[in-house]
PDB file of all heavy atoms in Angstrom:
ATOM      1  N   HIS A   1      22.686 -10.635  46.688  1.00  0.00           N
ATOM      2  CA  HIS A   1      22.910 -11.920  47.347  1.00  0.00           C
ATOM      3  C   HIS A   1      22.090 -13.065  46.750  1.00  0.00           C
ATOM      4  O   HIS A   1      22.421 -14.228  46.935  1.00  0.00           O
ATOM      5  CB  HIS A   1      22.598 -11.812  48.841  1.00  0.00           C
ATOM      6  CG  HIS A   1      23.546 -10.938  49.594  1.00  0.00           C
ATOM      7  ND1 HIS A   1      24.830 -11.318  49.901  1.00  0.00           N
ATOM      8  CD2 HIS A   1      23.393  -9.688  50.099  1.00  0.00           C
ATOM      9  CE1 HIS A   1      25.440 -10.347  50.559  1.00  0.00           C
ATOM     10  NE2 HIS A   1      24.581  -9.338  50.693  1.00  0.00           N
ATOM     11  N   PHE A   2      21.002 -12.755  46.048  1.00  0.00           N
ATOM     12  CA  PHE A   2      20.146 -13.798  45.497  1.00  0.00           C
ATOM     13  C   PHE A   2      19.227 -13.184  44.445  1.00  0.00           C
ATOM     14  O   PHE A   2      19.140 -11.962  44.311  1.00  0.00           O
ATOM     15  CB  PHE A   2      19.302 -14.468  46.593  1.00  0.00           C
ATOM     16  CG  PHE A   2      18.301 -13.523  47.237  1.00  0.00           C
ATOM     17  CD1 PHE A   2      17.003 -13.411  46.752  1.00  0.00           C
ATOM     18  CD2 PHE A   2      18.670 -12.741  48.321  1.00  0.00           C
ATOM     19  CE1 PHE A   2      16.095 -12.532  47.331  1.00  0.00           C
ATOM     20  CE2 PHE A   2      17.770 -11.852  48.909  1.00  0.00           C
ATOM     21  CZ  PHE A   2      16.482 -11.755  48.404  1.00  0.00           C
ATOM     22  N   GLN A   3      18.546 -14.074  43.690  1.00  0.00           N
ATOM     23  CA  GLN A   3      17.492 -13.674  42.788  1.00  0.00           C
ATOM     24  C   GLN A   3      16.156 -14.186  43.304  1.00  0.00           C
ATOM     25  O   GLN A   3      16.097 -15.202  44.006  1.00  0.00           O
ATOM     26  CB  GLN A   3      17.746 -14.216  41.370  1.00  0.00           C
ATOM     27  CG  GLN A   3      18.969 -13.607  40.696  1.00  0.00           C
ATOM     28  CD  GLN A   3      18.842 -12.106  40.513  1.00  0.00           C
ATOM     29  OE1 GLN A   3      17.773 -11.600  40.140  1.00  0.00           O
ATOM     30  NE2 GLN A   3      19.917 -11.380  40.797  1.00  0.00           N
ATOM     31  N   LEU A   4      15.091 -13.509  42.987  1.00  0.00           N
ATOM     32  CA  LEU A   4      13.784 -13.874  43.520  1.00  0.00           C
ATOM     33  C   LEU A   4      13.326 -15.256  43.058  1.00  0.00           C
ATOM     34  O   LEU A   4      12.534 -15.908  43.742  1.00  0.00           O
ATOM     35  CB  LEU A   4      12.745 -12.815  43.134  1.00  0.00           C
ATOM     36  CG  LEU A   4      12.917 -11.454  43.829  1.00  0.00           C
ATOM     37  CD1 LEU A   4      11.971 -10.419  43.223  1.00  0.00           C
ATOM     38  CD2 LEU A   4      12.661 -11.577  45.331  1.00  0.00           C
ATOM     39  N   ARG A   5      13.808 -15.730  41.904  1.00  0.00           N
ATOM     40  CA  ARG A   5      13.463 -17.062  41.411  1.00  0.00           C
ATOM     41  C   ARG A   5      14.399 -18.154  41.934  1.00  0.00           C
ATOM     42  O   ARG A   5      14.212 -19.333  41.620  1.00  0.00           O
ATOM     43  CB  ARG A   5      13.450 -17.080  39.882  1.00  0.00           C
ATOM     44  CG  ARG A   5      12.332 -16.249  39.252  1.00  0.00           C
ATOM     45  CD  ARG A   5      12.342 -16.424  37.744  1.00  0.00           C
ATOM     46  NE  ARG A   5      11.385 -15.569  37.075  1.00  0.00           N
ATOM     47  CZ  ARG A   5      10.119 -15.882  36.833  1.00  0.00           C
ATOM     48  NH1 ARG A   5       9.661 -17.081  37.210  1.00  0.00           N
ATOM     49  NH2 ARG A   5       9.318 -15.036  36.209  1.00  0.00           N
ATOM     50  N   ASP A   6      15.383 -17.789  42.728  1.00  0.00           N
ATOM     51  CA  ASP A   6      16.275 -18.803  43.291  1.00  0.00           C
ATOM     52  C   ASP A   6      15.487 -19.778  44.167  1.00  0.00           C
ATOM     53  O   ASP A   6      14.564 -19.357  44.892  1.00  0.00           O
ATOM     54  CB  ASP A   6      17.370 -18.155  44.142  1.00  0.00           C
ATOM     55  CG  ASP A   6      18.482 -17.546  43.321  1.00  0.00           C
ATOM     56  OD1 ASP A   6      18.547 -17.817  42.108  1.00  0.00           O
ATOM     57  OD2 ASP A   6      19.306 -16.790  43.891  1.00  0.00           O
ATOM     58  N   PRO A   7      15.838 -21.075  44.130  1.00  0.00           N
ATOM     59  CA  PRO A   7      15.176 -22.010  45.033  1.00  0.00           C
ATOM     60  C   PRO A   7      15.585 -21.738  46.476  1.00  0.00           C
ATOM     61  O   PRO A   7      16.741 -21.413  46.763  1.00  0.00           O
ATOM     62  CB  PRO A   7      15.672 -23.374  44.557  1.00  0.00           C
ATOM     63  CG  PRO A   7      16.969 -23.095  43.865  1.00  0.00           C
ATOM     64  CD  PRO A   7      16.817 -21.736  43.243  1.00  0.00           C
ATOM     65  N   VAL A   8      14.630 -21.899  47.380  1.00  0.00           N
ATOM     66  CA  VAL A   8      14.910 -21.702  48.803  1.00  0.00           C
ATOM     67  C   VAL A   8      15.985 -22.683  49.266  1.00  0.00           C
ATOM     68  O   VAL A   8      16.804 -22.374  50.132  1.00  0.00           O
ATOM     69  CB  VAL A   8      13.621 -21.867  49.623  1.00  0.00           C
ATOM     70  CG1 VAL A   8      13.906 -21.779  51.124  1.00  0.00           C
ATOM     71  CG2 VAL A   8      12.594 -20.815  49.216  1.00  0.00           C
ATOM     72  N   SER A   9      16.002 -23.867  48.665  1.00  0.00           N
ATOM     73  CA  SER A   9      16.966 -24.902  49.046  1.00  0.00           C
ATOM     74  C   SER A   9      18.411 -24.492  48.782  1.00  0.00           C
ATOM     75  O   SER A   9      19.326 -25.115  49.322  1.00  0.00           O
ATOM     76  CB  SER A   9      16.657 -26.213  48.320  1.00  0.00           C
ATOM     77  OG  SER A   9      16.691 -26.038  46.906  1.00  0.00           O
ATOM     78  N   LYS A  10      18.636 -23.472  47.982  1.00  0.00           N
ATOM     79  CA  LYS A  10      19.990 -22.959  47.773  1.00  0.00           C
ATOM     80  C   LYS A  10      20.584 -22.488  49.090  1.00  0.00           C
ATOM     81  O   LYS A  10      21.794 -22.589  49.309  1.00  0.00           O
ATOM     82  CB  LYS A  10      19.951 -21.818  46.749  1.00  0.00           C
ATOM     83  CG  LYS A  10      21.291 -21.159  46.474  1.00  0.00           C
ATOM     84  CD  LYS A  10      21.151 -20.057  45.425  1.00  0.00           C
ATOM     85  CE  LYS A  10      22.478 -19.347  45.163  1.00  0.00           C
ATOM     86  NZ  LYS A  10      22.314 -18.280  44.115  1.00  0.00           N
ATOM     87  N   PHE A  11      19.753 -21.962  49.972  1.00  0.00           N
ATOM     88  CA  PHE A  11      20.195 -21.444  51.267  1.00  0.00           C
ATOM     89  C   PHE A  11      19.781 -22.344  52.433  1.00  0.00           C
ATOM     90  O   PHE A  11      20.439 -22.366  53.469  1.00  0.00           O
ATOM     91  CB  PHE A  11      19.647 -20.034  51.482  1.00  0.00           C
ATOM     92  CG  PHE A  11      20.134 -19.036  50.476  1.00  0.00           C
ATOM     93  CD1 PHE A  11      19.382 -18.742  49.342  1.00  0.00           C
ATOM     94  CD2 PHE A  11      21.349 -18.400  50.646  1.00  0.00           C
ATOM     95  CE1 PHE A  11      19.834 -17.818  48.411  1.00  0.00           C
ATOM     96  CE2 PHE A  11      21.814 -17.474  49.716  1.00  0.00           C
ATOM     97  CZ  PHE A  11      21.058 -17.200  48.591  1.00  0.00           C
ATOM     98  N   ILE A  12      18.653 -23.057  52.263  1.00  0.00           N
ATOM     99  CA  ILE A  12      18.160 -23.963  53.302  1.00  0.00           C
ATOM    100  C   ILE A  12      17.974 -25.330  52.659  1.00  0.00           C
ATOM    101  O   ILE A  12      16.894 -25.648  52.139  1.00  0.00           O
ATOM    102  CB  ILE A  12      16.839 -23.462  53.915  1.00  0.00           C
ATOM    103  CG1 ILE A  12      16.971 -21.984  54.347  1.00  0.00           C
ATOM    104  CG2 ILE A  12      16.461 -24.314  55.135  1.00  0.00           C
ATOM    105  CD1 ILE A  12      15.672 -21.377  54.845  1.00  0.00           C
ATOM    106  N   PRO A  13      18.999 -26.175  52.636  1.00  0.00           N
ATOM    107  CA  PRO A  13      18.955 -27.447  51.901  1.00  0.00           C
ATOM    108  C   PRO A  13      17.805 -28.366  52.294  1.00  0.00           C
ATOM    109  O   PRO A  13      17.375 -29.198  51.480  1.00  0.00           O
ATOM    110  CB  PRO A  13      20.318 -28.081  52.235  1.00  0.00           C
ATOM    111  CG  PRO A  13      21.206 -26.926  52.565  1.00  0.00           C
ATOM    112  CD  PRO A  13      20.312 -25.929  53.243  1.00  0.00           C
ATOM    113  N   GLU A  14      17.282 -28.239  53.511  1.00  0.00           N
ATOM    114  CA  GLU A  14      16.200 -29.104  53.956  1.00  0.00           C
ATOM    115  C   GLU A  14      14.968 -29.009  53.058  1.00  0.00           C
ATOM    116  O   GLU A  14      14.185 -29.971  52.960  1.00  0.00           O
ATOM    117  CB  GLU A  14      15.824 -28.770  55.395  1.00  0.00           C
ATOM    118  CG  GLU A  14      16.892 -29.155  56.418  1.00  0.00           C
ATOM    119  CD  GLU A  14      16.709 -28.479  57.743  1.00  0.00           C
ATOM    120  OE1 GLU A  14      16.946 -27.260  57.797  1.00  0.00           O
ATOM    121  OE2 GLU A  14      16.354 -29.140  58.719  1.00  0.00           O
ATOM    122  N   PHE A  15      14.761 -27.874  52.384  1.00  0.00           N
ATOM    123  CA  PHE A  15      13.595 -27.719  51.528  1.00  0.00           C
ATOM    124  C   PHE A  15      13.739 -28.438  50.193  1.00  0.00           C
ATOM    125  O   PHE A  15      12.775 -28.510  49.430  1.00  0.00           O
ATOM    126  CB  PHE A  15      13.286 -26.237  51.299  1.00  0.00           C
ATOM    127  CG  PHE A  15      12.529 -25.607  52.435  1.00  0.00           C
ATOM    128  CD1 PHE A  15      13.174 -24.849  53.384  1.00  0.00           C
ATOM    129  CD2 PHE A  15      11.161 -25.788  52.555  1.00  0.00           C
ATOM    130  CE1 PHE A  15      12.492 -24.273  54.444  1.00  0.00           C
ATOM    131  CE2 PHE A  15      10.454 -25.214  53.609  1.00  0.00           C
ATOM    132  CZ  PHE A  15      11.122 -24.465  54.553  1.00  0.00           C
ATOM    133  N   ALA A  16      14.905 -29.003  49.901  1.00  0.00           N
ATOM    134  CA  ALA A  16      15.079 -29.746  48.655  1.00  0.00           C
ATOM    135  C   ALA A  16      14.290 -31.053  48.666  1.00  0.00           C
ATOM    136  O   ALA A  16      13.937 -31.585  47.614  1.00  0.00           O
ATOM    137  CB  ALA A  16      16.556 -30.030  48.410  1.00  0.00           C
ATOM    138  N   ALA A  17      14.009 -31.589  49.848  1.00  0.00           N
ATOM    139  CA  ALA A  17      13.343 -32.885  49.967  1.00  0.00           C
ATOM    140  C   ALA A  17      11.843 -32.772  50.212  1.00  0.00           C
ATOM    141  O   ALA A  17      11.183 -33.787  50.449  1.00  0.00           O
ATOM    142  CB  ALA A  17      13.991 -33.689  51.091  1.00  0.00           C
ATOM    143  N   VAL A  18      11.276 -31.575  50.144  1.00  0.00           N
ATOM    144  CA  VAL A  18       9.874 -31.390  50.496  1.00  0.00           C
ATOM    145  C   VAL A  18       8.959 -32.091  49.496  1.00  0.00           C
ATOM    146  O   VAL A  18       9.268 -32.214  48.304  1.00  0.00           O
ATOM    147  CB  VAL A  18       9.545 -29.884  50.583  1.00  0.00           C
ATOM    148  CG1 VAL A  18       9.470 -29.247  49.197  1.00  0.00           C
ATOM    149  CG2 VAL A  18       8.241 -29.658  51.334  1.00  0.00           C
ATOM    150  N   LYS A  19       7.817 -32.601  49.994  1.00  0.00           N
ATOM    151  CA  LYS A  19       6.803 -33.246  49.172  1.00  0.00           C
ATOM    152  C   LYS A  19       5.493 -32.478  49.263  1.00  0.00           C
ATOM    153  O   LYS A  19       5.296 -31.627  50.141  1.00  0.00           O
ATOM    154  CB  LYS A  19       6.576 -34.687  49.634  1.00  0.00           C
ATOM    155  CG  LYS A  19       7.805 -35.573  49.535  1.00  0.00           C
ATOM    156  CD  LYS A  19       8.206 -35.811  48.093  1.00  0.00           C
ATOM    157  CE  LYS A  19       9.282 -36.879  48.052  1.00  0.00           C
ATOM    158  NZ  LYS A  19      10.247 -36.782  47.243  1.00  0.00           N
ATOM    159  N   VAL A  20       4.559 -32.791  48.341  1.00  0.00           N
ATOM    160  CA  VAL A  20       3.254 -32.147  48.303  1.00  0.00           C
ATOM    161  C   VAL A  20       2.190 -33.177  48.644  1.00  0.00           C
ATOM    162  O   VAL A  20       2.196 -34.285  48.103  1.00  0.00           O
ATOM    163  CB  VAL A  20       2.964 -31.529  46.923  1.00  0.00           C
ATOM    164  CG1 VAL A  20       1.597 -30.834  46.919  1.00  0.00           C
ATOM    165  CG2 VAL A  20       4.064 -30.550  46.523  1.00  0.00           C
ATOM    166  N   SER A  21       1.285 -32.820  49.526  1.00  0.00           N
ATOM    167  CA  SER A  21       0.175 -33.691  49.872  1.00  0.00           C
ATOM    168  C   SER A  21      -0.942 -33.557  48.850  1.00  0.00           C
ATOM    169  O   SER A  21      -1.235 -32.456  48.385  1.00  0.00           O
ATOM    170  CB  SER A  21      -0.359 -33.345  51.258  1.00  0.00           C
ATOM    171  OG  SER A  21      -1.585 -34.008  51.512  1.00  0.00           O
ATOM    172  N   THR A  22      -1.571 -34.671  48.516  1.00  0.00           N
ATOM    173  CA  THR A  22      -2.703 -34.626  47.604  1.00  0.00           C
ATOM    174  C   THR A  22      -3.988 -34.215  48.311  1.00  0.00           C
ATOM    175  O   THR A  22      -5.026 -34.034  47.675  1.00  0.00           O
ATOM    176  CB  THR A  22      -2.910 -35.988  46.937  1.00  0.00           C
ATOM    177  OG1 THR A  22      -3.088 -36.990  47.956  1.00  0.00           O
ATOM    178  CG2 THR A  22      -1.705 -36.361  46.074  1.00  0.00           C
ATOM    179  N   THR A  23      -3.949 -34.082  49.618  1.00  0.00           N
ATOM    180  CA  THR A  23      -5.101 -33.630  50.386  1.00  0.00           C
ATOM    181  C   THR A  23      -4.858 -32.225  50.884  1.00  0.00           C
ATOM    182  O   THR A  23      -3.959 -31.978  51.677  1.00  0.00           O
ATOM    183  CB  THR A  23      -5.362 -34.552  51.600  1.00  0.00           C
ATOM    184  OG1 THR A  23      -5.586 -35.874  51.145  1.00  0.00           O
ATOM    185  CG2 THR A  23      -6.575 -34.073  52.385  1.00  0.00           C
ATOM    186  N   SER A  24      -5.636 -31.270  50.424  1.00  0.00           N
ATOM    187  CA  SER A  24      -5.499 -29.882  50.868  1.00  0.00           C
ATOM    188  C   SER A  24      -6.844 -29.318  51.312  1.00  0.00           C
ATOM    189  O   SER A  24      -7.070 -28.115  51.264  1.00  0.00           O
ATOM    190  CB  SER A  24      -4.907 -29.016  49.750  1.00  0.00           C
ATOM    191  OG  SER A  24      -5.732 -29.044  48.609  1.00  0.00           O
ATOM    192  N   ASP A  25      -7.747 -30.219  51.708  1.00  0.00           N
ATOM    193  CA  ASP A  25      -9.062 -29.771  52.141  1.00  0.00           C
ATOM    194  C   ASP A  25      -9.066 -29.528  53.649  1.00  0.00           C
ATOM    195  O   ASP A  25      -8.030 -29.496  54.300  1.00  0.00           O
ATOM    196  CB  ASP A  25     -10.141 -30.781  51.739  1.00  0.00           C
ATOM    197  CG  ASP A  25      -9.866 -32.182  52.308  1.00  0.00           C
ATOM    198  OD1 ASP A  25      -9.164 -32.291  53.349  1.00  0.00           O
ATOM    199  OD2 ASP A  25     -10.342 -33.166  51.720  1.00  0.00           O
ATOM    200  N   ALA A  26     -10.243 -29.374  54.201  1.00  0.00           N
ATOM    201  CA  ALA A  26     -10.372 -29.033  55.611  1.00  0.00           C
ATOM    202  C   ALA A  26     -10.300 -30.244  56.543  1.00  0.00           C
ATOM    203  O   ALA A  26     -10.493 -30.110  57.754  1.00  0.00           O
ATOM    204  CB  ALA A  26     -11.676 -28.283  55.846  1.00  0.00           C
ATOM    205  N   SER A  27     -10.005 -31.424  55.998  1.00  0.00           N
ATOM    206  CA  SER A  27      -9.976 -32.619  56.828  1.00  0.00           C
ATOM    207  C   SER A  27      -8.825 -32.616  57.817  1.00  0.00           C
ATOM    208  O   SER A  27      -8.888 -33.257  58.865  1.00  0.00           O
ATOM    209  CB  SER A  27      -9.869 -33.870  55.953  1.00  0.00           C
ATOM    210  OG  SER A  27      -8.603 -33.937  55.302  1.00  0.00           O
ATOM    211  N   GLY A  28      -7.784 -31.908  57.485  1.00  0.00           N
ATOM    212  CA  GLY A  28      -6.604 -31.894  58.337  1.00  0.00           C
ATOM    213  C   GLY A  28      -5.676 -33.064  58.100  1.00  0.00           C
ATOM    214  O   GLY A  28      -4.617 -33.173  58.722  1.00  0.00           O
ATOM    215  N   GLU A  29      -6.065 -33.975  57.197  1.00  0.00           N
ATOM    216  CA  GLU A  29      -5.292 -35.183  56.971  1.00  0.00           C
ATOM    217  C   GLU A  29      -4.248 -34.980  55.875  1.00  0.00           C
ATOM    218  O   GLU A  29      -4.400 -34.138  54.992  1.00  0.00           O
ATOM    219  CB  GLU A  29      -6.216 -36.339  56.599  1.00  0.00           C
ATOM    220  CG  GLU A  29      -7.235 -36.690  57.682  1.00  0.00           C
ATOM    221  CD  GLU A  29      -8.203 -37.763  57.244  1.00  0.00           C
ATOM    222  OE1 GLU A  29      -8.128 -38.175  56.061  1.00  0.00           O
ATOM    223  OE2 GLU A  29      -9.029 -38.191  58.077  1.00  0.00           O
TER     224      GLU A  29
END
C-alpha cells in the first residue's frame, strides 16, 4: 500500500503545509 519513504501528505494532505519552528528549546515558544 505504500513505501516507507512516501510522504505522509500522500495520505493526509494536511501535512503538506506544515512548517518548522526555529525555536526548539525549553521555552515553549
